[in-house]
Amino acid sequence: MTIRPILQYPDERLRGKAAPVTAFDEDLRALARDMSETMQAAPGAGLAAPQVGVAKRLIVMAGAENHEDFDDRTLVLVNPRLIKAEGEQFFEEGCLSVLDLQEKVTRASEVTVAFQDLEGRERELSADGRRAVILQHEMDHLDGVLLLDHLSRLKREIYKRRLRKLRKEAGDD
């Protein structure tokens, strides 16, 4: 297993739409293992393949099956698609690809996601609370949507200015 570098905003690869996974082979399983290790090392609660520079519809998510009780296991969702979203919640989110940003975002409070496992079998996962937020956040990455896109224009501009200043101070500009 390998810890992969996580792409950082404003890397344009984060804005692309990921392609569906069609090959359920050892390369896919290796990618999922690498992503799991990368997510745990970050540490994070979820990670999408585009965040490690792979434009495939694959996400990994930390935690046990019983809602808020997260542990060291990883759920792997291939080609996930939202099939049901209900309610609304306001939840503070962060992102491994958008550093130094924690903002409250409105998301569905309950979701059901259809996906394939690493063998290509169809599955469903229902979630609420924090797990629902993580699923929606990671699925956004598959379509090139970032946490920043959920903020007001003013908050986005403030963040971008702060990031430019930090990059200039670090000599990355």
C-alpha atoms as a PDB file:
ATOM      1  CA  MET A   1       0.000   0.000   0.000  1.00  0.00           C
ATOM      2  CA  THR A   2       1.055   3.537  -0.711  1.00  0.00           C
ATOM      3  CA  ILE A   3       0.112   6.867   0.763  1.00  0.00           C
ATOM      4  CA  ARG A   4      -0.675   9.045  -2.248  1.00  0.00           C
ATOM      5  CA  PRO A   5      -0.347  12.830  -2.404  1.00  0.00           C
ATOM      6  CA  ILE A   6      -3.692  14.607  -2.021  1.00  0.00           C
ATOM      7  CA  LEU A   7      -4.299  17.285  -4.639  1.00  0.00           C
ATOM      8  CA  GLN A   8      -4.853  20.771  -3.255  1.00  0.00           C
ATOM      9  CA  TYR A   9      -7.097  23.539  -4.510  1.00  0.00           C
ATOM     10  CA  PRO A  10      -6.622  25.257  -6.989  1.00  0.00           C
ATOM     11  CA  ASP A  11      -5.330  22.155  -8.861  1.00  0.00           C
ATOM     12  CA  GLU A  12      -7.568  21.940 -11.957  1.00  0.00           C
ATOM     13  CA  ARG A  13      -7.719  18.136 -11.796  1.00  0.00           C
ATOM     14  CA  LEU A  14     -10.101  18.564  -8.852  1.00  0.00           C
ATOM     15  CA  ARG A  15     -12.618  20.200 -11.223  1.00  0.00           C
ATOM     16  CA  GLY A  16     -12.956  17.331 -13.718  1.00  0.00           C
ATOM     17  CA  LYS A  17     -15.827  14.874 -13.891  1.00  0.00           C
ATOM     18  CA  ALA A  18     -14.700  11.357 -12.976  1.00  0.00           C
ATOM     19  CA  ALA A  19     -15.293   8.469 -15.379  1.00  0.00           C
ATOM     20  CA  PRO A  20     -17.259   5.376 -14.359  1.00  0.00           C
ATOM     21  CA  VAL A  21     -15.229   2.383 -13.238  1.00  0.00           C
ATOM     22  CA  THR A  22     -15.567  -0.501 -15.710  1.00  0.00           C
ATOM     23  CA  ALA A  23     -12.724  -2.828 -14.673  1.00  0.00           C
ATOM     24  CA  PHE A  24     -13.127  -4.527 -11.298  1.00  0.00           C
ATOM     25  CA  ASP A  25      -9.603  -5.871 -11.071  1.00  0.00           C
ATOM     26  CA  GLU A  26      -6.501  -5.836  -8.886  1.00  0.00           C
ATOM     27  CA  ASP A  27      -5.619  -2.294 -10.017  1.00  0.00           C
ATOM     28  CA  LEU A  28      -8.947  -1.070  -8.622  1.00  0.00           C
ATOM     29  CA  ARG A  29      -8.429  -2.951  -5.352  1.00  0.00           C
ATOM     30  CA  ALA A  30      -4.892  -1.509  -5.061  1.00  0.00           C
ATOM     31  CA  LEU A  31      -6.226   2.006  -5.653  1.00  0.00           C
ATOM     32  CA  ALA A  32      -8.881   1.487  -2.959  1.00  0.00           C
ATOM     33  CA  ARG A  33      -6.224   0.234  -0.494  1.00  0.00           C
ATOM     34  CA  ASP A  34      -3.970   3.210  -1.268  1.00  0.00           C
ATOM     35  CA  MET A  35      -6.871   5.619  -0.854  1.00  0.00           C
ATOM     36  CA  SER A  36      -7.836   4.059   2.467  1.00  0.00           C
ATOM     37  CA  GLU A  37      -4.288   4.343   3.772  1.00  0.00           C
ATOM     38  CA  THR A  38      -4.023   7.918   2.460  1.00  0.00           C
ATOM     39  CA  MET A  39      -7.320   8.904   4.092  1.00  0.00           C
ATOM     40  CA  GLN A  40      -6.315   7.408   7.447  1.00  0.00           C
ATOM     41  CA  ALA A  41      -2.882   9.058   7.342  1.00  0.00           C
ATOM     42  CA  ALA A  42      -4.314  12.510   6.498  1.00  0.00           C
ATOM     43  CA  PRO A  43      -6.434  11.944   8.722  1.00  0.00           C
ATOM     44  CA  GLY A  44      -9.831  12.233   7.072  1.00  0.00           C
ATOM     45  CA  ALA A  45     -13.299  10.689   7.118  1.00  0.00           C
ATOM     46  CA  GLY A  46     -13.593  10.232   3.358  1.00  0.00           C
ATOM     47  CA  LEU A  47     -11.609  10.507   0.141  1.00  0.00           C
ATOM     48  CA  ALA A  48     -12.548  10.503  -3.548  1.00  0.00           C
ATOM     49  CA  ALA A  49     -10.271   9.186  -6.303  1.00  0.00           C
ATOM     50  CA  PRO A  50     -10.025  12.600  -8.045  1.00  0.00           C
ATOM     51  CA  GLN A  51      -8.414  13.947  -4.854  1.00  0.00           C
ATOM     52  CA  VAL A  52      -5.443  11.636  -5.484  1.00  0.00           C
ATOM     53  CA  GLY A  53      -5.336  12.458  -9.185  1.00  0.00           C
ATOM     54  CA  VAL A  54      -7.358   9.477 -10.462  1.00  0.00           C
ATOM     55  CA  ALA A  55     -10.431  10.506 -12.470  1.00  0.00           C
ATOM     56  CA  LYS A  56     -12.541   7.469 -11.542  1.00  0.00           C
ATOM     57  CA  ARG A  57     -15.861   7.240  -9.698  1.00  0.00           C
ATOM     58  CA  LEU A  58     -14.520   5.697  -6.503  1.00  0.00           C
ATOM     59  CA  ILE A  59     -14.762   6.884  -2.913  1.00  0.00           C
ATOM     60  CA  VAL A  60     -13.591   5.490   0.386  1.00  0.00           C
ATOM     61  CA  MET A  61     -15.145   6.344   3.701  1.00  0.00           C
ATOM     62  CA  ALA A  62     -14.035   5.600   7.230  1.00  0.00           C
ATOM     63  CA  GLY A  63     -16.265   3.891   9.680  1.00  0.00           C
ATOM     64  CA  ALA A  64     -18.470   1.095  10.787  1.00  0.00           C
ATOM     65  CA  GLU A  65     -21.915   0.453   9.367  1.00  0.00           C
ATOM     66  CA  ASN A  66     -23.739   1.805  12.430  1.00  0.00           C
ATOM     67  CA  HIS A  67     -23.953   5.495  11.602  1.00  0.00           C
ATOM     68  CA  GLU A  68     -21.821   7.675  13.879  1.00  0.00           C
ATOM     69  CA  ASP A  69     -19.602   4.911  15.276  1.00  0.00           C
ATOM     70  CA  PHE A  70     -16.493   5.382  13.144  1.00  0.00           C
ATOM     71  CA  ASP A  71     -13.595   2.940  13.415  1.00  0.00           C
ATOM     72  CA  ASP A  72     -10.564   1.898  11.393  1.00  0.00           C
ATOM     73  CA  ARG A  73     -12.480  -0.027   8.726  1.00  0.00           C
ATOM     74  CA  THR A  74     -13.024   1.544   5.317  1.00  0.00           C
ATOM     75  CA  LEU A  75     -16.131   1.424   3.160  1.00  0.00           C
ATOM     76  CA  VAL A  76     -15.412   1.404  -0.576  1.00  0.00           C
ATOM     77  CA  LEU A  77     -18.054   2.686  -2.974  1.00  0.00           C
ATOM     78  CA  VAL A  78     -17.546   2.267  -6.721  1.00  0.00           C
ATOM     79  CA  ASN A  79     -19.723   4.252  -9.144  1.00  0.00           C
ATOM     80  CA  PRO A  80     -21.885   5.677  -6.336  1.00  0.00           C
ATOM     81  CA  ARG A  81     -25.100   7.460  -7.223  1.00  0.00           C
ATOM     82  CA  LEU A  82     -27.580   9.200  -4.986  1.00  0.00           C
ATOM     83  CA  ILE A  83     -30.990   7.543  -5.222  1.00  0.00           C
ATOM     84  CA  LYS A  84     -32.746   9.196  -2.296  1.00  0.00           C
ATOM     85  CA  ALA A  85     -32.200  12.401  -0.330  1.00  0.00           C
ATOM     86  CA  GLU A  86     -34.516  13.700   2.372  1.00  0.00           C
ATOM     87  CA  GLY A  87     -34.544  16.426   4.960  1.00  0.00           C
ATOM     88  CA  GLU A  88     -31.962  19.075   5.581  1.00  0.00           C
ATOM     89  CA  GLN A  89     -29.094  19.589   7.990  1.00  0.00           C
ATOM     90  CA  PHE A  90     -26.515  22.295   8.513  1.00  0.00           C
ATOM     91  CA  PHE A  91     -23.129  20.711   9.195  1.00  0.00           C
ATOM     92  CA  GLU A  92     -19.579  22.052   9.518  1.00  0.00           C
ATOM     93  CA  GLU A  93     -17.337  20.507   6.880  1.00  0.00           C
ATOM     94  CA  GLY A  94     -13.673  20.508   6.037  1.00  0.00           C
ATOM     95  CA  CYS A  95     -11.858  19.050   3.046  1.00  0.00           C
ATOM     96  CA  LEU A  96      -8.478  17.407   2.584  1.00  0.00           C
ATOM     97  CA  SER A  97      -8.142  19.236  -0.762  1.00  0.00           C
ATOM     98  CA  VAL A  98      -9.194  22.672   0.512  1.00  0.00           C
ATOM     99  CA  LEU A  99      -6.825  23.487   3.338  1.00  0.00           C
ATOM    100  CA  ASP A 100      -7.627  25.702   6.289  1.00  0.00           C
ATOM    101  CA  LEU A 101     -11.341  25.921   5.597  1.00  0.00           C
ATOM    102  CA  GLN A 102     -14.140  24.820   7.912  1.00  0.00           C
ATOM    103  CA  GLU A 103     -17.599  26.015   6.911  1.00  0.00           C
ATOM    104  CA  LYS A 104     -21.187  25.077   7.606  1.00  0.00           C
ATOM    105  CA  VAL A 105     -22.930  23.629   4.577  1.00  0.00           C
ATOM    106  CA  THR A 106     -26.553  22.635   4.033  1.00  0.00           C
ATOM    107  CA  ARG A 107     -26.938  18.993   3.001  1.00  0.00           C
ATOM    108  CA  ALA A 108     -29.666  16.353   2.952  1.00  0.00           C
ATOM    109  CA  SER A 109     -30.051  14.797   6.386  1.00  0.00           C
ATOM    110  CA  GLU A 110     -30.802  11.297   5.090  1.00  0.00           C
ATOM    111  CA  VAL A 111     -29.484   9.709   1.902  1.00  0.00           C
ATOM    112  CA  THR A 112     -29.501   6.381   0.133  1.00  0.00           C
ATOM    113  CA  VAL A 113     -26.668   5.658  -2.275  1.00  0.00           C
ATOM    114  CA  ALA A 114     -26.532   2.840  -4.819  1.00  0.00           C
ATOM    115  CA  PHE A 115     -23.017   1.675  -5.642  1.00  0.00           C
ATOM    116  CA  GLN A 116     -20.914  -1.287  -6.658  1.00  0.00           C
ATOM    117  CA  ASP A 117     -18.445  -3.052  -4.406  1.00  0.00           C
ATOM    118  CA  LEU A 118     -14.924  -3.994  -5.480  1.00  0.00           C
ATOM    119  CA  GLU A 119     -16.272  -7.134  -7.175  1.00  0.00           C
ATOM    120  CA  GLY A 120     -18.835  -5.165  -9.194  1.00  0.00           C
ATOM    121  CA  ARG A 121     -21.860  -6.313  -7.168  1.00  0.00           C
ATOM    122  CA  GLU A 122     -24.701  -3.796  -6.743  1.00  0.00           C
ATOM    123  CA  ARG A 123     -25.193  -2.510  -3.184  1.00  0.00           C
ATOM    124  CA  GLU A 124     -27.082   0.194  -1.333  1.00  0.00           C
ATOM    125  CA  LEU A 125     -26.141   2.230   1.705  1.00  0.00           C
ATOM    126  CA  SER A 126     -28.476   4.433   3.719  1.00  0.00           C
ATOM    127  CA  ALA A 127     -27.019   7.052   6.016  1.00  0.00           C
ATOM    128  CA  ASP A 128     -27.992   9.997   8.132  1.00  0.00           C
ATOM    129  CA  GLY A 129     -26.186  12.638  10.171  1.00  0.00           C
ATOM    130  CA  ARG A 130     -22.442  12.847   9.676  1.00  0.00           C
ATOM    131  CA  ARG A 131     -22.291   9.796   7.403  1.00  0.00           C
ATOM    132  CA  ALA A 132     -24.825  11.396   5.038  1.00  0.00           C
ATOM    133  CA  VAL A 133     -22.681  14.542   4.925  1.00  0.00           C
ATOM    134  CA  ILE A 134     -19.510  12.571   4.161  1.00  0.00           C
ATOM    135  CA  LEU A 135     -21.200  10.620   1.363  1.00  0.00           C
ATOM    136  CA  GLN A 136     -22.553  13.780  -0.265  1.00  0.00           C
ATOM    137  CA  HIS A 137     -19.238  15.612   0.136  1.00  0.00           C
ATOM    138  CA  GLU A 138     -17.198  12.798  -1.443  1.00  0.00           C
ATOM    139  CA  MET A 139     -19.715  12.277  -4.242  1.00  0.00           C
ATOM    140  CA  ASP A 140     -19.435  15.994  -5.049  1.00  0.00           C
ATOM    141  CA  HIS A 141     -15.725  15.426  -5.749  1.00  0.00           C
ATOM    142  CA  LEU A 142     -16.653  12.905  -8.461  1.00  0.00           C
ATOM    143  CA  ASP A 143     -18.354  15.733 -10.363  1.00  0.00           C
ATOM    144  CA  GLY A 144     -15.657  18.358  -9.762  1.00  0.00           C
ATOM    145  CA  VAL A 145     -17.613  20.136  -7.019  1.00  0.00           C
ATOM    146  CA  LEU A 146     -15.598  21.423  -4.061  1.00  0.00           C
ATOM    147  CA  LEU A 147     -16.533  22.608  -0.585  1.00  0.00           C
ATOM    148  CA  LEU A 148     -15.847  26.144  -1.845  1.00  0.00           C
ATOM    149  CA  ASP A 149     -18.723  25.820  -4.311  1.00  0.00           C
ATOM    150  CA  HIS A 150     -21.193  25.554  -1.417  1.00  0.00           C
ATOM    151  CA  LEU A 151     -20.119  28.910   0.043  1.00  0.00           C
ATOM    152  CA  SER A 152     -21.401  32.370  -0.732  1.00  0.00           C
ATOM    153  CA  ARG A 153     -19.489  34.324  -3.349  1.00  0.00           C
ATOM    154  CA  LEU A 154     -18.111  36.621  -0.648  1.00  0.00           C
ATOM    155  CA  LYS A 155     -16.809  33.737   1.498  1.00  0.00           C
ATOM    156  CA  ARG A 156     -15.234  32.116  -1.588  1.00  0.00           C
ATOM    157  CA  GLU A 157     -13.419  35.350  -2.486  1.00  0.00           C
ATOM    158  CA  ILE A 158     -12.194  35.832   1.085  1.00  0.00           C
ATOM    159  CA  TYR A 159     -10.817  32.282   1.091  1.00  0.00           C
ATOM    160  CA  LYS A 160      -9.151  32.733  -2.311  1.00  0.00           C
ATOM    161  CA  ARG A 161      -7.489  35.981  -1.196  1.00  0.00           C
ATOM    162  CA  ARG A 162      -6.244  34.349   1.996  1.00  0.00           C
ATOM    163  CA  LEU A 163      -4.889  31.391  -0.010  1.00  0.00           C
ATOM    164  CA  ARG A 164      -3.091  33.691  -2.483  1.00  0.00           C
ATOM    165  CA  LYS A 165      -1.517  35.558   0.428  1.00  0.00           C
ATOM    166  CA  LEU A 166      -0.368  32.328   2.082  1.00  0.00           C
ATOM    167  CA  ARG A 167       1.065  31.006  -1.192  1.00  0.00           C
ATOM    168  CA  LYS A 168       2.873  34.290  -1.826  1.00  0.00           C
ATOM    169  CA  GLU A 169       4.357  34.234   1.685  1.00  0.00           C
ATOM    170  CA  ALA A 170       5.486  30.649   1.126  1.00  0.00           C
ATOM    171  CA  GLY A 171       7.061  31.552  -2.224  1.00  0.00           C
ATOM    172  CA  ASP A 172       4.666  29.296  -4.193  1.00  0.00           C
ATOM    173  CA  ASP A 173       3.244  32.096  -6.336  1.00  0.00           C
END
